[in-house]
Protein backbone atom coordinates (compact mmCIF):
# COMPACT_ATOMS: atom_id res chain seq x y z
CA UNK A 1 -14.44 -47.93 -35.08
CA UNK A 2 -15.60 -47.50 -31.54
CA UNK A 3 -13.59 -50.43 -30.28
CA UNK A 4 -9.95 -49.80 -31.11
CA UNK A 5 -7.27 -52.37 -31.30
CA UNK A 6 -5.04 -53.01 -28.33
CA UNK A 7 -2.03 -51.46 -30.09
CA UNK A 8 -3.88 -48.19 -30.65
CA UNK A 9 -4.92 -48.03 -26.98
CA UNK A 10 -1.34 -48.63 -25.82
CA UNK A 11 -0.09 -46.00 -28.23
CA UNK A 12 -2.62 -43.45 -26.93
CA UNK A 13 -1.67 -44.25 -23.31
CA UNK A 14 2.03 -43.71 -24.04
CA UNK A 15 1.25 -40.42 -25.79
CA UNK A 16 -0.85 -39.21 -22.84
CA UNK A 17 1.90 -40.20 -20.37
CA UNK A 18 4.51 -38.34 -22.42
CA UNK A 19 2.34 -35.23 -22.50
CA UNK A 20 1.83 -35.38 -18.72
CA UNK A 21 5.59 -35.76 -18.12
CA UNK A 22 6.34 -32.82 -20.43
CA UNK A 23 3.74 -30.69 -18.68
CA UNK A 24 5.19 -31.51 -15.25
CA UNK A 25 8.73 -30.74 -16.43
CA UNK A 26 7.60 -27.44 -17.92
CA UNK A 27 5.87 -26.42 -14.68
CA UNK A 28 8.96 -27.32 -12.65
CA UNK A 29 11.29 -25.33 -14.92
CA UNK A 30 8.91 -22.37 -14.97
CA UNK A 31 8.61 -22.33 -11.19
CA UNK A 32 12.42 -22.44 -10.80
CA UNK A 33 12.80 -19.56 -13.22
CA UNK A 34 10.32 -17.47 -11.27
CA UNK A 35 11.97 -18.32 -7.97
CA UNK A 36 15.42 -17.50 -9.25
CA UNK A 37 14.53 -14.06 -10.59
CA UNK A 38 11.90 -13.01 -8.09
CA UNK A 39 12.69 -10.99 -5.00
CA UNK A 40 13.20 -12.96 -1.87
CA UNK A 41 10.83 -12.29 1.00
CA UNK A 42 12.51 -9.99 3.47
CA UNK A 43 12.25 -10.12 7.18
CA UNK A 44 10.69 -7.22 9.07
CA UNK A 45 13.69 -6.40 11.24
CA UNK A 46 17.38 -6.56 10.58
CA UNK A 47 19.94 -7.26 13.28
CA UNK A 48 20.80 -3.54 13.34
CA UNK A 49 17.24 -2.51 14.15
CA UNK A 50 16.39 -1.04 10.77
CA UNK A 51 13.51 -2.45 8.73
CA UNK A 52 14.70 -4.33 5.66
CA UNK A 53 13.61 -3.14 2.26
CA UNK A 54 12.68 0.38 3.34
CA UNK A 55 14.12 3.51 4.75
CA UNK A 56 15.34 3.71 8.32
CA UNK A 57 13.40 5.91 10.69
CA UNK A 58 13.81 9.65 10.33
CA UNK A 59 16.40 11.33 12.51
CA UNK A 60 15.08 13.10 15.60
CA UNK A 61 14.59 16.84 15.39
CA UNK A 62 17.44 17.55 17.83
CA UNK A 63 19.91 15.92 15.40
CA UNK A 64 18.84 18.20 12.56
CA UNK A 65 18.96 21.29 14.77
CA UNK A 66 22.40 20.33 16.14
CA UNK A 67 23.78 19.85 12.62
CA UNK A 68 22.33 23.17 11.41
CA UNK A 69 23.59 24.99 14.50
CA UNK A 70 27.11 23.62 14.02
CA UNK A 71 26.96 24.58 10.35
CA UNK A 72 25.89 28.15 11.16
CA UNK A 73 28.47 28.63 13.92
CA UNK A 74 31.50 26.73 12.64
CA UNK A 75 31.09 27.00 8.84
CA UNK A 76 32.46 23.49 8.27
CA UNK A 77 31.96 21.22 5.29
CA UNK A 78 29.41 18.42 5.43
CA UNK A 79 32.17 15.82 5.89
CA UNK A 80 33.71 17.58 8.86
CA UNK A 81 30.26 18.23 10.33
CA UNK A 82 29.36 14.55 10.12
CA UNK A 83 32.63 13.53 11.77
CA UNK A 84 32.26 16.17 14.48
CA UNK A 85 28.67 15.18 15.26
CA UNK A 86 29.57 11.49 15.42
CA UNK A 87 32.52 12.23 17.71
CA UNK A 88 30.38 14.36 20.03
CA UNK A 89 27.12 12.41 20.21
CA UNK A 90 27.58 8.80 19.13
CA UNK A 91 29.07 7.56 22.42
CA UNK A 92 26.37 9.29 24.51
CA UNK A 93 23.26 8.78 22.41
CA UNK A 94 24.12 6.09 19.86
CA UNK A 95 22.92 8.46 17.13
CA UNK A 96 25.21 8.87 14.13
CA UNK A 97 24.84 10.71 10.85
CA UNK A 98 26.28 10.16 7.41
CA UNK A 99 27.91 12.70 5.15
CA UNK A 100 25.20 12.44 2.53
CA UNK A 101 22.42 13.01 5.09
CA UNK A 102 24.25 16.07 6.48
CA UNK A 103 24.77 17.49 2.99
CA UNK A 104 21.14 16.95 1.98
CA UNK A 105 19.91 18.44 5.27
CA UNK A 106 22.03 21.55 4.83
CA UNK A 107 20.95 21.94 1.19
CA UNK A 108 17.28 21.45 2.12
CA UNK A 109 17.59 24.08 4.89
CA UNK A 110 19.28 26.57 2.56
CA UNK A 111 16.55 26.03 -0.04
CA UNK A 112 13.83 26.59 2.58
CA UNK A 113 15.64 29.72 3.76
CA UNK A 114 15.82 31.01 0.18
CA UNK A 115 12.09 30.40 -0.37
CA UNK A 116 11.22 32.13 2.92
CA UNK A 117 13.32 35.16 1.99
CA UNK A 118 11.75 35.26 -1.46
CA UNK A 119 8.26 35.07 0.05
CA UNK A 120 9.11 37.95 2.39
CA UNK A 121 10.61 40.01 -0.41
CA UNK A 122 7.72 39.51 -2.82
CA UNK A 123 4.84 39.72 -0.40
CA UNK A 124 2.04 42.13 -1.10
CA UNK A 125 2.05 45.25 1.04
CA UNK A 126 -0.63 45.35 3.72
CA UNK A 127 -3.76 47.23 2.82
CA UNK A 128 -3.94 50.59 4.45
CA UNK A 129 -6.90 51.30 6.65
CA UNK A 130 -9.48 53.66 5.21
CA UNK A 131 -8.39 56.96 6.65
CA UNK A 132 -10.03 60.32 6.61
CA UNK A 133 -10.24 61.38 3.00
CA UNK A 134 -10.31 65.01 4.00
CA UNK A 135 -6.98 64.88 5.78
CA UNK A 136 -5.40 68.30 5.82
CA UNK A 137 -8.65 69.96 4.79
CA UNK A 138 -10.00 72.70 6.94
CA UNK A 139 -13.53 71.69 7.89
CA UNK A 140 -14.37 75.14 9.10
CA UNK A 141 -13.79 74.75 12.76
């Protein structure tokens, strides 16, 4: 029983080779499936200067203040404000804004203004200093 016939050895070798081939094919198919559906590695910088896969840098504070100032003075819609800002500042500074960013900035500012006004309206009155309890009382002088 220990020594097998030559036919049994050949049969076992063919079976082992088939199993190895099937295992290699499975690994190759599985790796292709993962590659196809996985996210590709992204480079750190795009040609436009914005990082890929994230948000661009926040706008400088002067952009936000200029947009809010134009909104307060001119009372324009967010679309017209974005066009006006881009016409005024893009050639000089290279800074441009989108309509969505302008709209969200204006809405965020209005919400902050509303919360500030509500905090002022609902604040607790200041405590009065302890004054003379005998005010208006003749002390006999």
